[in-house]
Amino acid sequence: MIVIPAIDIKGGRCVRLFQGEMDQETVFSDDPAAMAGRWAAQGAELIHVVDLDGAVEKRPRNLEAIERIVNQADPVLVQVGGGIRDIDTMEMYLDLGVARVVIGSAAIYDPEMVKKACKRFPGGIVVGIDARNGKVAIEGWTKTTEMQAAILGKQFEDAGVAAINFTDIERDGMRTGPNIEAIRDFARAVEVPVVASGGVSCLDDIKRLAELEPDGVTGIITGRALYEGSLDLKSAIELLRQG
């Protein structure tokens, strides 16, 4: 299991949102690439980047910032999500040096396209499933569907996705602790490695999530807690390495 620092980009800046609300942001840096360098220096193995503007506008909007992040983080791997709706965009990001692309809304709109992408880019596709009360939210969390998160996840069990990023929206950015029960239930329901996101606030949360490794949870994404200092990345990495 690994700890994955998150960099959310809005208007070229590193921000965190309150429960995904685009008009409720906290700016943590005007230089996202510098943040990537910071997390790389502290031992991150993978950095999770979200183009928030792209998620809403359905197309990449912060390419320049993302390219700088990839260069600054090297050799640490970077995965990118937000506004990726077609194979050409996936290929563009992978050619840019991104290790994995995260497919969110397109996974519910066009699951067959995602499966084709998995075959074309082996190991390069992650499905992002964001849940609000157990139901899938899409388009930068601005819409909630009637699709149950676990049902969507099961559609990709044999597709060859590298992982499923599972986010509990009510906990995201709140630092109130992860929804352990929801994460466990989702991980047990799908035969795909699961990366948990949402609500991580401290080392105790890392310890609790580490107990889900036998259920298939292989990573933990965290953002606000790192930026506000309630969680130290080096300490979290060391904790997981110690088992």
C-alpha atoms as a PDB file:
ATOM      1  CA  MET A   1       0.000   0.000   0.000  1.00  0.00           C
ATOM      2  CA  ILE A   2       1.244   3.488  -0.857  1.00  0.00           C
ATOM      3  CA  VAL A   3       0.346   7.063   0.093  1.00  0.00           C
ATOM      4  CA  ILE A   4      -0.429   9.249  -2.915  1.00  0.00           C
ATOM      5  CA  PRO A   5      -0.325  13.037  -2.499  1.00  0.00           C
ATOM      6  CA  ALA A   6      -2.945  14.928  -4.503  1.00  0.00           C
ATOM      7  CA  ILE A   7      -2.513  18.111  -6.486  1.00  0.00           C
ATOM      8  CA  ASP A   8      -5.796  19.674  -7.606  1.00  0.00           C
ATOM      9  CA  ILE A   9      -5.399  22.426 -10.188  1.00  0.00           C
ATOM     10  CA  LYS A  10      -7.840  25.269 -10.782  1.00  0.00           C
ATOM     11  CA  GLY A  11      -6.849  28.282 -12.797  1.00  0.00           C
ATOM     12  CA  GLY A  12      -3.248  27.093 -12.831  1.00  0.00           C
ATOM     13  CA  ARG A  13      -3.042  27.075  -9.026  1.00  0.00           C
ATOM     14  CA  CYS A  14      -2.931  24.267  -6.472  1.00  0.00           C
ATOM     15  CA  VAL A  15      -6.220  24.303  -4.559  1.00  0.00           C
ATOM     16  CA  ARG A  16      -8.480  22.099  -2.467  1.00  0.00           C
ATOM     17  CA  LEU A  17     -12.241  22.259  -2.667  1.00  0.00           C
ATOM     18  CA  PHE A  18     -14.892  21.870   0.008  1.00  0.00           C
ATOM     19  CA  GLN A  19     -16.823  18.702  -0.924  1.00  0.00           C
ATOM     20  CA  GLY A  20     -16.073  19.324  -4.584  1.00  0.00           C
ATOM     21  CA  GLU A  21     -17.762  22.735  -4.731  1.00  0.00           C
ATOM     22  CA  MET A  22     -15.908  24.779  -7.363  1.00  0.00           C
ATOM     23  CA  ASP A  23     -16.742  28.088  -5.684  1.00  0.00           C
ATOM     24  CA  GLN A  24     -15.426  26.948  -2.281  1.00  0.00           C
ATOM     25  CA  GLU A  25     -11.707  26.660  -2.770  1.00  0.00           C
ATOM     26  CA  THR A  26      -8.622  27.119  -0.646  1.00  0.00           C
ATOM     27  CA  VAL A  27      -5.492  28.082  -2.578  1.00  0.00           C
ATOM     28  CA  PHE A  28      -2.357  26.378  -1.261  1.00  0.00           C
ATOM     29  CA  SER A  29       0.146  27.327  -3.931  1.00  0.00           C
ATOM     30  CA  ASP A  30       0.480  29.350  -7.106  1.00  0.00           C
ATOM     31  CA  ASP A  31       3.084  26.822  -8.274  1.00  0.00           C
ATOM     32  CA  PRO A  32       1.707  23.255  -8.526  1.00  0.00           C
ATOM     33  CA  ALA A  33       4.998  22.012  -9.973  1.00  0.00           C
ATOM     34  CA  ALA A  34       6.819  23.126  -6.834  1.00  0.00           C
ATOM     35  CA  MET A  35       4.346  21.126  -4.771  1.00  0.00           C
ATOM     36  CA  ALA A  36       5.043  18.084  -6.955  1.00  0.00           C
ATOM     37  CA  GLY A  37       8.753  18.529  -6.318  1.00  0.00           C
ATOM     38  CA  ARG A  38       8.077  18.763  -2.590  1.00  0.00           C
ATOM     39  CA  TRP A  39       6.112  15.515  -2.499  1.00  0.00           C
ATOM     40  CA  ALA A  40       8.671  13.767  -4.697  1.00  0.00           C
ATOM     41  CA  ALA A  41      11.475  14.845  -2.359  1.00  0.00           C
ATOM     42  CA  GLN A  42       9.543  13.426   0.597  1.00  0.00           C
ATOM     43  CA  GLY A  43       9.363   9.977  -0.943  1.00  0.00           C
ATOM     44  CA  ALA A  44       6.106   9.833  -2.903  1.00  0.00           C
ATOM     45  CA  GLU A  45       5.965   6.992  -5.433  1.00  0.00           C
ATOM     46  CA  LEU A  46       2.946   8.363  -7.298  1.00  0.00           C
ATOM     47  CA  ILE A  47       1.336  11.810  -7.466  1.00  0.00           C
ATOM     48  CA  HIS A  48      -2.359  12.245  -8.224  1.00  0.00           C
ATOM     49  CA  VAL A  49      -3.219  15.339 -10.281  1.00  0.00           C
ATOM     50  CA  VAL A  50      -6.735  16.578 -11.034  1.00  0.00           C
ATOM     51  CA  ASP A  51      -7.553  19.227 -13.623  1.00  0.00           C
ATOM     52  CA  LEU A  52     -10.615  20.652 -11.867  1.00  0.00           C
ATOM     53  CA  ASP A  53     -11.408  23.076 -14.667  1.00  0.00           C
ATOM     54  CA  GLY A  54     -11.118  20.237 -17.144  1.00  0.00           C
ATOM     55  CA  ALA A  55     -13.520  18.073 -15.149  1.00  0.00           C
ATOM     56  CA  VAL A  56     -16.207  20.730 -15.407  1.00  0.00           C
ATOM     57  CA  GLU A  57     -15.494  21.847 -18.974  1.00  0.00           C
ATOM     58  CA  LYS A  58     -15.031  18.254 -20.235  1.00  0.00           C
ATOM     59  CA  ARG A  59     -11.643  18.895 -21.789  1.00  0.00           C
ATOM     60  CA  PRO A  60      -8.094  19.550 -20.532  1.00  0.00           C
ATOM     61  CA  ARG A  61      -7.671  23.093 -19.250  1.00  0.00           C
ATOM     62  CA  ASN A  62      -4.405  23.133 -17.297  1.00  0.00           C
ATOM     63  CA  LEU A  63      -1.988  21.399 -19.650  1.00  0.00           C
ATOM     64  CA  GLU A  64       0.905  23.764 -19.062  1.00  0.00           C
ATOM     65  CA  ALA A  65       0.752  23.283 -15.297  1.00  0.00           C
ATOM     66  CA  ILE A  66       0.470  19.506 -15.676  1.00  0.00           C
ATOM     67  CA  GLU A  67       3.473  19.332 -18.003  1.00  0.00           C
ATOM     68  CA  ARG A  68       5.541  21.253 -15.450  1.00  0.00           C
ATOM     69  CA  ILE A  69       4.378  18.868 -12.718  1.00  0.00           C
ATOM     70  CA  VAL A  70       5.452  15.827 -14.742  1.00  0.00           C
ATOM     71  CA  ASN A  71       8.884  17.351 -15.364  1.00  0.00           C
ATOM     72  CA  GLN A  72       9.350  18.480 -11.772  1.00  0.00           C
ATOM     73  CA  ALA A  73       8.242  15.160 -10.276  1.00  0.00           C
ATOM     74  CA  ASP A  74      10.435  12.983 -12.493  1.00  0.00           C
ATOM     75  CA  PRO A  75      11.233  10.125 -11.854  1.00  0.00           C
ATOM     76  CA  VAL A  76       8.173   9.918  -9.592  1.00  0.00           C
ATOM     77  CA  LEU A  77       5.111   8.741 -11.528  1.00  0.00           C
ATOM     78  CA  VAL A  78       2.174  11.082 -12.123  1.00  0.00           C
ATOM     79  CA  GLN A  79      -1.440  10.177 -12.829  1.00  0.00           C
ATOM     80  CA  VAL A  80      -3.881  12.748 -14.178  1.00  0.00           C
ATOM     81  CA  GLY A  81      -7.660  13.012 -14.224  1.00  0.00           C
ATOM     82  CA  GLY A  82     -10.234  15.642 -15.096  1.00  0.00           C
ATOM     83  CA  GLY A  83     -11.851  16.205 -18.474  1.00  0.00           C
ATOM     84  CA  ILE A  84     -10.508  13.067 -20.148  1.00  0.00           C
ATOM     85  CA  ARG A  85     -13.315  11.929 -22.414  1.00  0.00           C
ATOM     86  CA  ASP A  86     -11.652  10.264 -25.409  1.00  0.00           C
ATOM     87  CA  ILE A  87      -8.720   8.097 -26.424  1.00  0.00           C
ATOM     88  CA  ASP A  88      -6.927  10.964 -28.179  1.00  0.00           C
ATOM     89  CA  THR A  89      -6.774  12.900 -24.914  1.00  0.00           C
ATOM     90  CA  MET A  90      -5.497   9.826 -23.091  1.00  0.00           C
ATOM     91  CA  GLU A  91      -2.767   9.371 -25.693  1.00  0.00           C
ATOM     92  CA  MET A  92      -1.832  13.048 -25.480  1.00  0.00           C
ATOM     93  CA  TYR A  93      -1.312  12.812 -21.726  1.00  0.00           C
ATOM     94  CA  LEU A  94       0.648   9.562 -21.939  1.00  0.00           C
ATOM     95  CA  ASP A  95       2.872  11.047 -24.640  1.00  0.00           C
ATOM     96  CA  LEU A  96       3.413  14.003 -22.288  1.00  0.00           C
ATOM     97  CA  GLY A  97       4.985  11.643 -19.762  1.00  0.00           C
ATOM     98  CA  VAL A  98       1.961  10.984 -17.551  1.00  0.00           C
ATOM     99  CA  ALA A  99       2.106   7.395 -16.273  1.00  0.00           C
ATOM    100  CA  ARG A 100      -1.644   6.863 -15.870  1.00  0.00           C
ATOM    101  CA  VAL A 101      -4.795   8.674 -16.859  1.00  0.00           C
ATOM    102  CA  VAL A 102      -7.846   8.618 -14.610  1.00  0.00           C
ATOM    103  CA  ILE A 103     -11.197   8.226 -16.338  1.00  0.00           C
ATOM    104  CA  GLY A 104     -14.202   9.454 -14.377  1.00  0.00           C
ATOM    105  CA  SER A 105     -17.354  10.610 -16.144  1.00  0.00           C
ATOM    106  CA  ALA A 106     -16.482   8.746 -19.347  1.00  0.00           C
ATOM    107  CA  ALA A 107     -16.545   5.495 -17.405  1.00  0.00           C
ATOM    108  CA  ILE A 108     -20.291   5.830 -16.978  1.00  0.00           C
ATOM    109  CA  TYR A 109     -21.014   7.489 -20.338  1.00  0.00           C
ATOM    110  CA  ASP A 110     -18.891   5.175 -22.481  1.00  0.00           C
ATOM    111  CA  PRO A 111     -17.562   2.121 -20.620  1.00  0.00           C
ATOM    112  CA  GLU A 112     -16.708   0.355 -23.880  1.00  0.00           C
ATOM    113  CA  MET A 113     -14.354   3.183 -24.821  1.00  0.00           C
ATOM    114  CA  VAL A 114     -12.616   2.787 -21.472  1.00  0.00           C
ATOM    115  CA  LYS A 115     -12.213  -0.951 -22.065  1.00  0.00           C
ATOM    116  CA  LYS A 116     -10.701  -0.275 -25.495  1.00  0.00           C
ATOM    117  CA  ALA A 117      -8.305   2.197 -23.911  1.00  0.00           C
ATOM    118  CA  CYS A 118      -7.176  -0.434 -21.402  1.00  0.00           C
ATOM    119  CA  LYS A 119      -6.197  -2.714 -24.269  1.00  0.00           C
ATOM    120  CA  ARG A 120      -4.429   0.081 -26.138  1.00  0.00           C
ATOM    121  CA  PHE A 121      -2.586   1.452 -23.100  1.00  0.00           C
ATOM    122  CA  PRO A 122      -1.906  -1.546 -20.794  1.00  0.00           C
ATOM    123  CA  GLY A 123      -1.417  -0.444 -17.194  1.00  0.00           C
ATOM    124  CA  GLY A 124      -2.115   3.165 -18.113  1.00  0.00           C
ATOM    125  CA  ILE A 125      -5.814   3.470 -17.298  1.00  0.00           C
ATOM    126  CA  VAL A 126      -7.347   4.116 -13.885  1.00  0.00           C
ATOM    127  CA  VAL A 127     -11.103   4.415 -13.389  1.00  0.00           C
ATOM    128  CA  GLY A 128     -12.153   7.102 -10.943  1.00  0.00           C
ATOM    129  CA  ILE A 129     -15.423   6.432  -9.148  1.00  0.00           C
ATOM    130  CA  ASP A 130     -16.664   9.240  -6.935  1.00  0.00           C
ATOM    131  CA  ALA A 131     -19.625   8.412  -4.738  1.00  0.00           C
ATOM    132  CA  ARG A 132     -22.193  10.542  -2.969  1.00  0.00           C
ATOM    133  CA  ASN A 133     -24.343   8.394  -0.659  1.00  0.00           C
ATOM    134  CA  GLY A 134     -23.213   5.328  -2.599  1.00  0.00           C
ATOM    135  CA  LYS A 135     -24.183   6.725  -6.008  1.00  0.00           C
ATOM    136  CA  VAL A 136     -21.756   7.797  -8.726  1.00  0.00           C
ATOM    137  CA  ALA A 137     -21.163  11.535  -9.151  1.00  0.00           C
ATOM    138  CA  ILE A 138     -19.802  12.866 -12.440  1.00  0.00           C
ATOM    139  CA  GLU A 139     -18.663  16.026 -14.253  1.00  0.00           C
ATOM    140  CA  GLY A 140     -16.538  17.379 -11.457  1.00  0.00           C
ATOM    141  CA  TRP A 141     -19.117  16.149  -8.903  1.00  0.00           C
ATOM    142  CA  THR A 142     -21.694  18.584 -10.259  1.00  0.00           C
ATOM    143  CA  LYS A 143     -24.138  15.759 -11.082  1.00  0.00           C
ATOM    144  CA  THR A 144     -25.131  12.632  -9.164  1.00  0.00           C
ATOM    145  CA  THR A 145     -26.385   9.641 -11.121  1.00  0.00           C
ATOM    146  CA  GLU A 146     -28.576   6.729 -10.041  1.00  0.00           C
ATOM    147  CA  MET A 147     -25.731   4.269 -10.692  1.00  0.00           C
ATOM    148  CA  GLN A 148     -24.422   2.472  -7.616  1.00  0.00           C
ATOM    149  CA  ALA A 149     -20.649   2.806  -7.290  1.00  0.00           C
ATOM    150  CA  ALA A 150     -20.013  -0.916  -6.834  1.00  0.00           C
ATOM    151  CA  ILE A 151     -22.124  -1.827  -9.870  1.00  0.00           C
ATOM    152  CA  LEU A 152     -20.090   0.547 -12.040  1.00  0.00           C
ATOM    153  CA  GLY A 153     -16.837  -0.795 -10.623  1.00  0.00           C
ATOM    154  CA  LYS A 154     -17.725  -4.385 -11.428  1.00  0.00           C
ATOM    155  CA  GLN A 155     -18.095  -3.468 -15.113  1.00  0.00           C
ATOM    156  CA  PHE A 156     -14.327  -3.028 -15.313  1.00  0.00           C
ATOM    157  CA  GLU A 157     -13.182  -6.139 -13.469  1.00  0.00           C
ATOM    158  CA  ASP A 158     -11.925  -7.887 -16.602  1.00  0.00           C
ATOM    159  CA  ALA A 159     -11.008  -4.769 -18.567  1.00  0.00           C
ATOM    160  CA  GLY A 160      -7.403  -4.464 -17.412  1.00  0.00           C
ATOM    161  CA  VAL A 161      -7.672  -1.209 -15.453  1.00  0.00           C
ATOM    162  CA  ALA A 162      -4.653  -0.530 -13.272  1.00  0.00           C
ATOM    163  CA  ALA A 163      -6.849   0.480 -10.334  1.00  0.00           C
ATOM    164  CA  ILE A 164     -10.090   2.111  -9.297  1.00  0.00           C
ATOM    165  CA  ASN A 165      -9.827   5.360  -7.371  1.00  0.00           C
ATOM    166  CA  PHE A 166     -12.782   5.393  -4.982  1.00  0.00           C
ATOM    167  CA  THR A 167     -13.681   8.740  -3.443  1.00  0.00           C
ATOM    168  CA  ASP A 168     -16.299   9.370  -0.797  1.00  0.00           C
ATOM    169  CA  ILE A 169     -17.376  12.920  -1.650  1.00  0.00           C
ATOM    170  CA  GLU A 170     -18.918  13.733   1.727  1.00  0.00           C
ATOM    171  CA  ARG A 171     -15.535  13.160   3.354  1.00  0.00           C
ATOM    172  CA  ASP A 172     -13.318  14.739   0.671  1.00  0.00           C
ATOM    173  CA  GLY A 173     -11.454  17.783   1.903  1.00  0.00           C
ATOM    174  CA  MET A 174     -13.234  17.600   5.247  1.00  0.00           C
ATOM    175  CA  ARG A 175     -10.477  15.919   7.286  1.00  0.00           C
ATOM    176  CA  THR A 176     -13.183  14.121   9.254  1.00  0.00           C
ATOM    177  CA  GLY A 177     -11.724  10.674   8.724  1.00  0.00           C
ATOM    178  CA  PRO A 178     -12.317   8.271   5.833  1.00  0.00           C
ATOM    179  CA  ASN A 179     -15.544   6.336   5.463  1.00  0.00           C
ATOM    180  CA  ILE A 180     -13.963   2.998   6.335  1.00  0.00           C
ATOM    181  CA  GLU A 181     -17.156   0.985   5.977  1.00  0.00           C
ATOM    182  CA  ALA A 182     -17.944   2.357   2.513  1.00  0.00           C
ATOM    183  CA  ILE A 183     -14.381   1.827   1.298  1.00  0.00           C
ATOM    184  CA  ARG A 184     -14.287  -1.716   2.662  1.00  0.00           C
ATOM    185  CA  ASP A 185     -17.633  -2.593   1.098  1.00  0.00           C
ATOM    186  CA  PHE A 186     -16.561  -1.217  -2.270  1.00  0.00           C
ATOM    187  CA  ALA A 187     -13.165  -2.960  -2.233  1.00  0.00           C
ATOM    188  CA  ARG A 188     -14.770  -6.282  -1.339  1.00  0.00           C
ATOM    189  CA  ALA A 189     -17.355  -5.876  -4.109  1.00  0.00           C
ATOM    190  CA  VAL A 190     -14.844  -5.496  -6.963  1.00  0.00           C
ATOM    191  CA  GLU A 191     -11.944  -7.648  -8.147  1.00  0.00           C
ATOM    192  CA  VAL A 192      -9.739  -4.651  -8.963  1.00  0.00           C
ATOM    193  CA  PRO A 193      -7.100  -2.886  -6.827  1.00  0.00           C
ATOM    194  CA  VAL A 194      -8.759   0.040  -5.046  1.00  0.00           C
ATOM    195  CA  VAL A 195      -7.209   3.370  -4.096  1.00  0.00           C
ATOM    196  CA  ALA A 196      -9.099   5.113  -1.295  1.00  0.00           C
ATOM    197  CA  SER A 197      -9.667   8.855  -1.213  1.00  0.00           C
ATOM    198  CA  GLY A 198     -11.576  11.296   0.946  1.00  0.00           C
ATOM    199  CA  GLY A 199     -11.375  12.379   4.567  1.00  0.00           C
ATOM    200  CA  VAL A 200      -7.812  11.410   5.486  1.00  0.00           C
ATOM    201  CA  SER A 201      -6.654  13.772   8.215  1.00  0.00           C
ATOM    202  CA  CYS A 202      -3.887  12.137  10.265  1.00  0.00           C
ATOM    203  CA  LEU A 203      -1.685   9.097  10.805  1.00  0.00           C
ATOM    204  CA  ASP A 204      -4.470   7.276  12.642  1.00  0.00           C
ATOM    205  CA  ASP A 205      -6.517   7.431   9.440  1.00  0.00           C
ATOM    206  CA  ILE A 206      -3.599   5.912   7.529  1.00  0.00           C
ATOM    207  CA  LYS A 207      -3.441   3.105  10.103  1.00  0.00           C
ATOM    208  CA  ARG A 208      -7.165   2.412   9.756  1.00  0.00           C
ATOM    209  CA  LEU A 209      -6.987   2.315   5.974  1.00  0.00           C
ATOM    210  CA  ALA A 210      -3.909   0.072   6.086  1.00  0.00           C
ATOM    211  CA  GLU A 211      -6.101  -2.562   7.709  1.00  0.00           C
ATOM    212  CA  LEU A 212      -8.095  -2.702   4.461  1.00  0.00           C
ATOM    213  CA  GLU A 213      -5.152  -3.963   2.417  1.00  0.00           C
ATOM    214  CA  PRO A 214      -6.383  -7.583   2.643  1.00  0.00           C
ATOM    215  CA  ASP A 215      -9.687  -6.360   1.161  1.00  0.00           C
ATOM    216  CA  GLY A 216      -7.913  -5.014  -1.921  1.00  0.00           C
ATOM    217  CA  VAL A 217      -7.087  -1.416  -0.986  1.00  0.00           C
ATOM    218  CA  THR A 218      -3.629  -0.713  -2.417  1.00  0.00           C
ATOM    219  CA  GLY A 219      -3.284   3.044  -2.076  1.00  0.00           C
ATOM    220  CA  ILE A 220      -4.434   6.134  -0.184  1.00  0.00           C
ATOM    221  CA  ILE A 221      -4.866   9.540  -1.814  1.00  0.00           C
ATOM    222  CA  THR A 222      -4.607  12.522   0.493  1.00  0.00           C
ATOM    223  CA  GLY A 223      -4.496  16.243  -0.129  1.00  0.00           C
ATOM    224  CA  ARG A 224      -5.742  18.844   2.348  1.00  0.00           C
ATOM    225  CA  ALA A 225      -4.226  17.091   5.368  1.00  0.00           C
ATOM    226  CA  LEU A 226      -0.773  17.330   3.769  1.00  0.00           C
ATOM    227  CA  TYR A 227      -1.189  20.971   2.836  1.00  0.00           C
ATOM    228  CA  GLU A 228      -2.515  22.017   6.226  1.00  0.00           C
ATOM    229  CA  GLY A 229       0.083  19.996   8.115  1.00  0.00           C
ATOM    230  CA  SER A 230      -2.058  17.546  10.070  1.00  0.00           C
ATOM    231  CA  LEU A 231      -0.428  14.676   8.156  1.00  0.00           C
ATOM    232  CA  ASP A 232       3.265  14.356   7.382  1.00  0.00           C
ATOM    233  CA  LEU A 233       3.931  12.497   4.124  1.00  0.00           C
ATOM    234  CA  LYS A 234       7.254  11.034   5.226  1.00  0.00           C
ATOM    235  CA  SER A 235       5.697   9.681   8.424  1.00  0.00           C
ATOM    236  CA  ALA A 236       2.774   8.169   6.530  1.00  0.00           C
ATOM    237  CA  ILE A 237       5.078   6.473   4.036  1.00  0.00           C
ATOM    238  CA  GLU A 238       7.255   5.107   6.814  1.00  0.00           C
ATOM    239  CA  LEU A 239       4.214   3.813   8.695  1.00  0.00           C
ATOM    240  CA  LEU A 240       3.080   1.773   5.703  1.00  0.00           C
ATOM    241  CA  ARG A 241       6.573   0.492   5.007  1.00  0.00           C
ATOM    242  CA  GLN A 242       6.762  -0.813   8.555  1.00  0.00           C
ATOM    243  CA  GLY A 243       3.578  -2.747   7.949  1.00  0.00           C
END
